[in-house]
PDB file of all heavy atoms in Angstrom:
ATOM      1  N   LEU A   1     121.209-103.383 224.269  1.00  0.00           N
ATOM      2  CA  LEU A   1     120.371-102.740 223.256  1.00  0.00           C
ATOM      3  C   LEU A   1     119.117-102.018 223.885  1.00  0.00           C
ATOM      4  O   LEU A   1     118.862-100.868 223.572  1.00  0.00           O
ATOM      5  CB  LEU A   1     119.774-103.732 222.320  1.00  0.00           C
ATOM      6  CG  LEU A   1     118.997-103.216 220.977  1.00  0.00           C
ATOM      7  CD1 LEU A   1     119.794-102.297 220.184  1.00  0.00           C
ATOM      8  CD2 LEU A   1     118.406-104.296 220.261  1.00  0.00           C
ATOM      9  N   GLY A   2     118.594-102.448 224.916  1.00  0.00           N
ATOM     10  CA  GLY A   2     117.563-101.928 225.689  1.00  0.00           C
ATOM     11  C   GLY A   2     118.053-100.506 226.299  1.00  0.00           C
ATOM     12  O   GLY A   2     117.442 -99.480 226.241  1.00  0.00           O
ATOM     13  N   ILE A   3     119.237-100.506 226.804  1.00  0.00           N
ATOM     14  CA  ILE A   3     119.783 -99.473 227.536  1.00  0.00           C
ATOM     15  C   ILE A   3     120.238 -98.330 226.626  1.00  0.00           C
ATOM     16  O   ILE A   3     119.888 -97.204 226.755  1.00  0.00           O
ATOM     17  CB  ILE A   3     120.965 -99.862 228.445  1.00  0.00           C
ATOM     18  CG1 ILE A   3     120.553-100.718 229.603  1.00  0.00           C
ATOM     19  CG2 ILE A   3     121.759 -98.644 228.818  1.00  0.00           C
ATOM     20  CD1 ILE A   3     121.732-101.255 230.370  1.00  0.00           C
ATOM     21  N   VAL A   4     120.593 -98.862 225.414  1.00  0.00           N
ATOM     22  CA  VAL A   4     120.977 -97.822 224.289  1.00  0.00           C
ATOM     23  C   VAL A   4     119.740 -97.208 223.808  1.00  0.00           C
ATOM     24  O   VAL A   4     119.664 -95.968 223.565  1.00  0.00           O
ATOM     25  CB  VAL A   4     121.793 -98.440 223.299  1.00  0.00           C
ATOM     26  CG1 VAL A   4     122.007 -97.643 222.023  1.00  0.00           C
ATOM     27  CG2 VAL A   4     123.200 -98.885 223.717  1.00  0.00           C
ATOM     28  N   GLY A   5     118.740 -97.993 223.586  1.00  0.00           N
ATOM     29  CA  GLY A   5     117.410 -97.530 223.046  1.00  0.00           C
ATOM     30  C   GLY A   5     116.747 -96.555 223.981  1.00  0.00           C
ATOM     31  O   GLY A   5     116.222 -95.457 223.585  1.00  0.00           O
ATOM     32  N   PHE A   6     116.732 -96.862 225.381  1.00  0.00           N
ATOM     33  CA  PHE A   6     116.214 -96.092 226.339  1.00  0.00           C
ATOM     34  C   PHE A   6     116.928 -94.751 226.420  1.00  0.00           C
ATOM     35  O   PHE A   6     116.385 -93.621 226.541  1.00  0.00           O
ATOM     36  CB  PHE A   6     116.280 -96.682 227.804  1.00  0.00           C
ATOM     37  CG  PHE A   6     115.747 -95.803 228.800  1.00  0.00           C
ATOM     38  CD1 PHE A   6     114.442 -95.486 228.913  1.00  0.00           C
ATOM     39  CD2 PHE A   6     116.652 -95.107 229.631  1.00  0.00           C
ATOM     40  CE1 PHE A   6     113.937 -94.585 229.938  1.00  0.00           C
ATOM     41  CE2 PHE A   6     116.197 -94.341 230.728  1.00  0.00           C
ATOM     42  CZ  PHE A   6     114.916 -94.122 230.882  1.00  0.00           C
ATOM     43  N   SER A   7     118.377 -94.731 226.319  1.00  0.00           N
ATOM     44  CA  SER A   7     119.209 -93.568 226.443  1.00  0.00           C
ATOM     45  C   SER A   7     118.868 -92.628 225.202  1.00  0.00           C
ATOM     46  O   SER A   7     118.807 -91.375 225.273  1.00  0.00           O
ATOM     47  CB  SER A   7     120.655 -93.895 226.492  1.00  0.00           C
ATOM     48  OG  SER A   7     120.938 -94.628 227.558  1.00  0.00           O
ATOM     49  N   LEU A   8     118.808 -93.270 223.987  1.00  0.00           N
ATOM     50  CA  LEU A   8     118.463 -92.548 222.842  1.00  0.00           C
ATOM     51  C   LEU A   8     117.164 -91.886 222.848  1.00  0.00           C
ATOM     52  O   LEU A   8     117.064 -90.654 222.503  1.00  0.00           O
ATOM     53  CB  LEU A   8     118.515 -93.463 221.564  1.00  0.00           C
ATOM     54  CG  LEU A   8     118.320 -92.792 220.229  1.00  0.00           C
ATOM     55  CD1 LEU A   8     119.435 -91.750 219.949  1.00  0.00           C
ATOM     56  CD2 LEU A   8     118.225 -93.742 219.125  1.00  0.00           C
ATOM     57  N   LEU A   9     116.128 -92.513 223.344  1.00  0.00           N
ATOM     58  CA  LEU A   9     114.773 -91.976 223.477  1.00  0.00           C
ATOM     59  C   LEU A   9     114.772 -90.759 224.523  1.00  0.00           C
ATOM     60  O   LEU A   9     114.178 -89.767 224.291  1.00  0.00           O
ATOM     61  CB  LEU A   9     113.823 -93.087 223.973  1.00  0.00           C
ATOM     62  CG  LEU A   9     112.356 -92.669 224.158  1.00  0.00           C
ATOM     63  CD1 LEU A   9     111.811 -92.410 222.860  1.00  0.00           C
ATOM     64  CD2 LEU A   9     111.616 -93.675 224.880  1.00  0.00           C
ATOM     65  N   LEU A  10     115.521 -90.955 225.661  1.00  0.00           N
ATOM     66  CA  LEU A  10     115.546 -89.897 226.663  1.00  0.00           C
ATOM     67  C   LEU A  10     116.273 -88.637 226.073  1.00  0.00           C
ATOM     68  O   LEU A  10     115.837 -87.529 226.421  1.00  0.00           O
ATOM     69  CB  LEU A  10     116.344 -90.400 227.923  1.00  0.00           C
ATOM     70  CG  LEU A  10     116.374 -89.529 229.097  1.00  0.00           C
ATOM     71  CD1 LEU A  10     114.940 -89.409 229.811  1.00  0.00           C
ATOM     72  CD2 LEU A  10     117.309 -90.250 230.142  1.00  0.00           C
ATOM     73  N   PHE A  11     117.358 -88.917 225.306  1.00  0.00           N
ATOM     74  CA  PHE A  11     118.164 -87.733 224.778  1.00  0.00           C
ATOM     75  C   PHE A  11     117.234 -87.100 223.690  1.00  0.00           C
ATOM     76  O   PHE A  11     117.266 -85.813 223.778  1.00  0.00           O
ATOM     77  CB  PHE A  11     119.423 -88.343 224.102  1.00  0.00           C
ATOM     78  CG  PHE A  11     120.171 -87.308 223.369  1.00  0.00           C
ATOM     79  CD1 PHE A  11     120.957 -86.396 224.063  1.00  0.00           C
ATOM     80  CD2 PHE A  11     120.141 -87.129 222.008  1.00  0.00           C
ATOM     81  CE1 PHE A  11     121.760 -85.420 223.379  1.00  0.00           C
ATOM     82  CE2 PHE A  11     120.927 -86.214 221.359  1.00  0.00           C
ATOM     83  CZ  PHE A  11     121.678 -85.351 222.048  1.00  0.00           C
ATOM     84  N   THR A  12     116.551 -87.735 222.908  1.00  0.00           N
ATOM     85  CA  THR A  12     115.686 -87.133 221.961  1.00  0.00           C
ATOM     86  C   THR A  12     114.590 -86.289 222.707  1.00  0.00           C
ATOM     87  O   THR A  12     114.315 -85.189 222.272  1.00  0.00           O
ATOM     88  CB  THR A  12     115.034 -88.179 221.030  1.00  0.00           C
ATOM     89  OG1 THR A  12     116.070 -89.006 220.475  1.00  0.00           O
ATOM     90  CG2 THR A  12     114.214 -87.597 219.937  1.00  0.00           C
ATOM     91  N   TYR A  13     113.998 -86.931 223.664  1.00  0.00           N
ATOM     92  CA  TYR A  13     112.979 -86.232 224.404  1.00  0.00           C
ATOM     93  C   TYR A  13     113.473 -84.855 224.972  1.00  0.00           C
ATOM     94  O   TYR A  13     112.831 -83.823 224.954  1.00  0.00           O
ATOM     95  CB  TYR A  13     112.342 -87.147 225.416  1.00  0.00           C
ATOM     96  CG  TYR A  13     111.316 -86.383 226.227  1.00  0.00           C
ATOM     97  CD1 TYR A  13     109.963 -86.569 225.894  1.00  0.00           C
ATOM     98  CD2 TYR A  13     111.622 -85.884 227.555  1.00  0.00           C
ATOM     99  CE1 TYR A  13     108.907 -85.895 226.699  1.00  0.00           C
ATOM    100  CE2 TYR A  13     110.620 -85.308 228.254  1.00  0.00           C
ATOM    101  CZ  TYR A  13     109.312 -85.326 227.894  1.00  0.00           C
ATOM    102  OH  TYR A  13     108.252 -84.772 228.562  1.00  0.00           O
ATOM    103  N   TYR A  14     114.553 -84.990 225.674  1.00  0.00           N
ATOM    104  CA  TYR A  14     115.197 -83.826 226.389  1.00  0.00           C
ATOM    105  C   TYR A  14     115.593 -82.732 225.415  1.00  0.00           C
ATOM    106  O   TYR A  14     115.450 -81.623 225.699  1.00  0.00           O
ATOM    107  CB  TYR A  14     116.411 -84.254 227.206  1.00  0.00           C
ATOM    108  CG  TYR A  14     116.924 -83.168 228.115  1.00  0.00           C
ATOM    109  CD1 TYR A  14     116.122 -82.837 229.262  1.00  0.00           C
ATOM    110  CD2 TYR A  14     118.037 -82.493 227.716  1.00  0.00           C
ATOM    111  CE1 TYR A  14     116.628 -81.818 230.033  1.00  0.00           C
ATOM    112  CE2 TYR A  14     118.535 -81.475 228.656  1.00  0.00           C
ATOM    113  CZ  TYR A  14     117.835 -81.178 229.727  1.00  0.00           C
ATOM    114  OH  TYR A  14     118.256 -80.139 230.397  1.00  0.00           O
ATOM    115  N   THR A  15     116.199 -83.235 224.253  1.00  0.00           N
ATOM    116  CA  THR A  15     116.661 -82.307 223.314  1.00  0.00           C
ATOM    117  C   THR A  15     115.399 -81.464 222.658  1.00  0.00           C
ATOM    118  O   THR A  15     115.574 -80.256 222.562  1.00  0.00           O
ATOM    119  CB  THR A  15     117.396 -82.883 222.159  1.00  0.00           C
ATOM    120  OG1 THR A  15     118.594 -83.716 222.672  1.00  0.00           O
ATOM    121  CG2 THR A  15     117.891 -81.994 221.066  1.00  0.00           C
ATOM    122  N   ILE A  16     114.358 -82.177 222.314  1.00  0.00           N
ATOM    123  CA  ILE A  16     113.237 -81.446 221.821  1.00  0.00           C
ATOM    124  C   ILE A  16     112.576 -80.699 222.875  1.00  0.00           C
ATOM    125  O   ILE A  16     112.282 -79.399 222.642  1.00  0.00           O
ATOM    126  CB  ILE A  16     112.164 -82.486 221.426  1.00  0.00           C
ATOM    127  CG1 ILE A  16     112.623 -83.181 220.036  1.00  0.00           C
ATOM    128  CG2 ILE A  16     110.850 -81.776 221.034  1.00  0.00           C
ATOM    129  CD1 ILE A  16     111.826 -84.358 219.828  1.00  0.00           C
ATOM    130  N   TRP A  17     112.665 -80.932 224.142  1.00  0.00           N
ATOM    131  CA  TRP A  17     112.056 -80.149 225.267  1.00  0.00           C
ATOM    132  C   TRP A  17     112.813 -78.845 225.492  1.00  0.00           C
ATOM    133  O   TRP A  17     112.337 -77.800 225.739  1.00  0.00           O
ATOM    134  CB  TRP A  17     112.054 -81.250 226.588  1.00  0.00           C
ATOM    135  CG  TRP A  17     111.511 -80.615 227.801  1.00  0.00           C
ATOM    136  CD1 TRP A  17     110.504 -79.632 227.843  1.00  0.00           C
ATOM    137  CD2 TRP A  17     111.709 -80.983 229.144  1.00  0.00           C
ATOM    138  NE1 TRP A  17     110.170 -79.434 229.157  1.00  0.00           N
ATOM    139  CE2 TRP A  17     110.884 -80.275 229.888  1.00  0.00           C
ATOM    140  CE3 TRP A  17     112.623 -82.059 229.552  1.00  0.00           C
ATOM    141  CZ2 TRP A  17     110.963 -80.509 231.265  1.00  0.00           C
ATOM    142  CZ3 TRP A  17     112.651 -82.080 230.948  1.00  0.00           C
ATOM    143  CH2 TRP A  17     111.724 -81.465 231.918  1.00  0.00           C
ATOM    144  N   VAL A  18     114.172 -79.012 225.473  1.00  0.00           N
ATOM    145  CA  VAL A  18     115.009 -77.892 225.775  1.00  0.00           C
ATOM    146  C   VAL A  18     115.282 -76.924 224.579  1.00  0.00           C
ATOM    147  O   VAL A  18     115.365 -75.748 224.717  1.00  0.00           O
ATOM    148  CB  VAL A  18     116.280 -78.312 226.426  1.00  0.00           C
ATOM    149  CG1 VAL A  18     117.208 -77.226 226.756  1.00  0.00           C
ATOM    150  CG2 VAL A  18     115.921 -79.043 227.751  1.00  0.00           C
ATOM    151  N   ILE A  19     115.457 -77.556 223.379  1.00  0.00           N
ATOM    152  CA  ILE A  19     115.956 -76.782 222.290  1.00  0.00           C
ATOM    153  C   ILE A  19     114.904 -76.343 221.335  1.00  0.00           C
ATOM    154  O   ILE A  19     114.912 -75.199 220.864  1.00  0.00           O
ATOM    155  CB  ILE A  19     117.082 -77.578 221.519  1.00  0.00           C
ATOM    156  CG1 ILE A  19     118.117 -77.639 222.390  1.00  0.00           C
ATOM    157  CG2 ILE A  19     117.558 -76.935 220.279  1.00  0.00           C
ATOM    158  CD1 ILE A  19     119.471 -78.606 221.845  1.00  0.00           C
ATOM    159  N   VAL A  20     113.940 -77.327 221.167  1.00  0.00           N
ATOM    160  CA  VAL A  20     112.932 -76.980 220.084  1.00  0.00           C
ATOM    161  C   VAL A  20     111.684 -76.192 220.614  1.00  0.00           C
ATOM    162  O   VAL A  20     111.215 -75.295 220.106  1.00  0.00           O
ATOM    163  CB  VAL A  20     112.432 -78.344 219.429  1.00  0.00           C
ATOM    164  CG1 VAL A  20     111.289 -78.010 218.419  1.00  0.00           C
ATOM    165  CG2 VAL A  20     113.576 -78.988 218.651  1.00  0.00           C
ATOM    166  N   LEU A  21     111.205 -76.649 221.861  1.00  0.00           N
ATOM    167  CA  LEU A  21     110.001 -76.055 222.451  1.00  0.00           C
ATOM    168  C   LEU A  21     110.009 -74.547 222.644  1.00  0.00           C
ATOM    169  O   LEU A  21     109.020 -73.903 222.529  1.00  0.00           O
ATOM    170  CB  LEU A  21     109.630 -76.805 223.626  1.00  0.00           C
ATOM    171  CG  LEU A  21     108.763 -78.241 223.474  1.00  0.00           C
ATOM    172  CD1 LEU A  21     108.516 -78.678 224.793  1.00  0.00           C
ATOM    173  CD2 LEU A  21     107.651 -78.019 222.584  1.00  0.00           C
ATOM    174  N   PRO A  22     111.181 -73.986 223.094  1.00  0.00           N
ATOM    175  CA  PRO A  22     111.079 -72.438 223.202  1.00  0.00           C
ATOM    176  C   PRO A  22     110.707 -71.785 221.836  1.00  0.00           C
ATOM    177  O   PRO A  22     110.323 -70.611 221.932  1.00  0.00           O
ATOM    178  CB  PRO A  22     112.510 -72.198 223.521  1.00  0.00           C
ATOM    179  CG  PRO A  22     113.000 -73.376 224.300  1.00  0.00           C
ATOM    180  CD  PRO A  22     112.426 -74.515 223.556  1.00  0.00           C
ATOM    181  N   PHE A  23     110.849 -72.411 220.763  1.00  0.00           N
ATOM    182  CA  PHE A  23     110.677 -71.705 219.429  1.00  0.00           C
ATOM    183  C   PHE A  23     109.181 -72.087 219.021  1.00  0.00           C
ATOM    184  O   PHE A  23     108.804 -71.573 217.852  1.00  0.00           O
ATOM    185  CB  PHE A  23     111.614 -72.020 218.377  1.00  0.00           C
ATOM    186  CG  PHE A  23     113.058 -71.553 218.806  1.00  0.00           C
ATOM    187  CD1 PHE A  23     114.020 -72.587 219.306  1.00  0.00           C
ATOM    188  CD2 PHE A  23     113.393 -70.285 218.899  1.00  0.00           C
ATOM    189  CE1 PHE A  23     115.360 -72.214 219.611  1.00  0.00           C
ATOM    190  CE2 PHE A  23     114.643 -69.838 219.195  1.00  0.00           C
ATOM    191  CZ  PHE A  23     115.586 -70.845 219.593  1.00  0.00           C
ATOM    192  N   VAL A  24     108.425 -72.902 219.687  1.00  0.00           N
ATOM    193  CA  VAL A  24     107.158 -73.214 219.274  1.00  0.00           C
ATOM    194  C   VAL A  24     106.184 -72.457 220.171  1.00  0.00           C
ATOM    195  O   VAL A  24     106.322 -72.178 221.315  1.00  0.00           O
ATOM    196  CB  VAL A  24     106.930 -74.818 219.569  1.00  0.00           C
ATOM    197  CG1 VAL A  24     105.452 -75.170 219.232  1.00  0.00           C
ATOM    198  CG2 VAL A  24     107.946 -75.627 218.715  1.00  0.00           C
ATOM    199  N   ASP A  25     104.997 -72.045 219.613  1.00  0.00           N
ATOM    200  CA  ASP A  25     104.011 -71.239 220.284  1.00  0.00           C
ATOM    201  C   ASP A  25     103.495 -71.976 221.476  1.00  0.00           C
ATOM    202  O   ASP A  25     103.332 -73.255 221.476  1.00  0.00           O
ATOM    203  CB  ASP A  25     102.838 -70.903 219.435  1.00  0.00           C
ATOM    204  CG  ASP A  25     103.095 -69.919 218.218  1.00  0.00           C
ATOM    205  OD1 ASP A  25     104.132 -69.176 218.501  1.00  0.00           O
ATOM    206  OD2 ASP A  25     102.418 -69.972 217.182  1.00  0.00           O
ATOM    207  N   SER A  26     103.364 -71.181 222.605  1.00  0.00           N
ATOM    208  CA  SER A  26     102.949 -72.031 223.831  1.00  0.00           C
ATOM    209  C   SER A  26     101.462 -72.466 223.854  1.00  0.00           C
ATOM    210  O   SER A  26     101.331 -73.315 224.587  1.00  0.00           O
ATOM    211  CB  SER A  26     103.007 -70.904 225.004  1.00  0.00           C
ATOM    212  OG  SER A  26     102.113 -69.904 224.713  1.00  0.00           O
ATOM    213  N   ASP A  27     100.695 -72.181 222.850  1.00  0.00           N
ATOM    214  CA  ASP A  27      99.416 -72.789 222.795  1.00  0.00           C
ATOM    215  C   ASP A  27      99.343 -73.964 221.834  1.00  0.00           C
ATOM    216  O   ASP A  27      98.330 -74.499 221.666  1.00  0.00           O
ATOM    217  CB  ASP A  27      98.361 -71.791 222.482  1.00  0.00           C
ATOM    218  CG  ASP A  27      98.757 -71.149 221.117  1.00  0.00           C
ATOM    219  OD1 ASP A  27      99.745 -71.213 220.649  1.00  0.00           O
ATOM    220  OD2 ASP A  27      97.744 -70.381 220.567  1.00  0.00           O
ATOM    221  N   HIS A  28     100.567 -74.392 221.301  1.00  0.00           N
ATOM    222  CA  HIS A  28     100.596 -75.577 220.306  1.00  0.00           C
ATOM    223  C   HIS A  28     100.346 -76.765 221.173  1.00  0.00           C
ATOM    224  O   HIS A  28     100.654 -76.992 222.330  1.00  0.00           O
ATOM    225  CB  HIS A  28     101.946 -75.584 219.596  1.00  0.00           C
ATOM    226  CG  HIS A  28     102.013 -76.421 218.437  1.00  0.00           C
ATOM    227  ND1 HIS A  28     102.152 -77.758 218.575  1.00  0.00           N
ATOM    228  CD2 HIS A  28     101.672 -76.197 217.187  1.00  0.00           C
ATOM    229  CE1 HIS A  28     102.182 -78.287 217.410  1.00  0.00           C
ATOM    230  NE2 HIS A  28     101.903 -77.347 216.516  1.00  0.00           N
TER     231      HIS A  28
END
């Protein structure tokens, strides 16, 4: 459960970092 939770957290962080952030203003 810990490994799955860590993987889910890492996937969510990376997805936001790569997919969402390019569309957010750089001074946000």
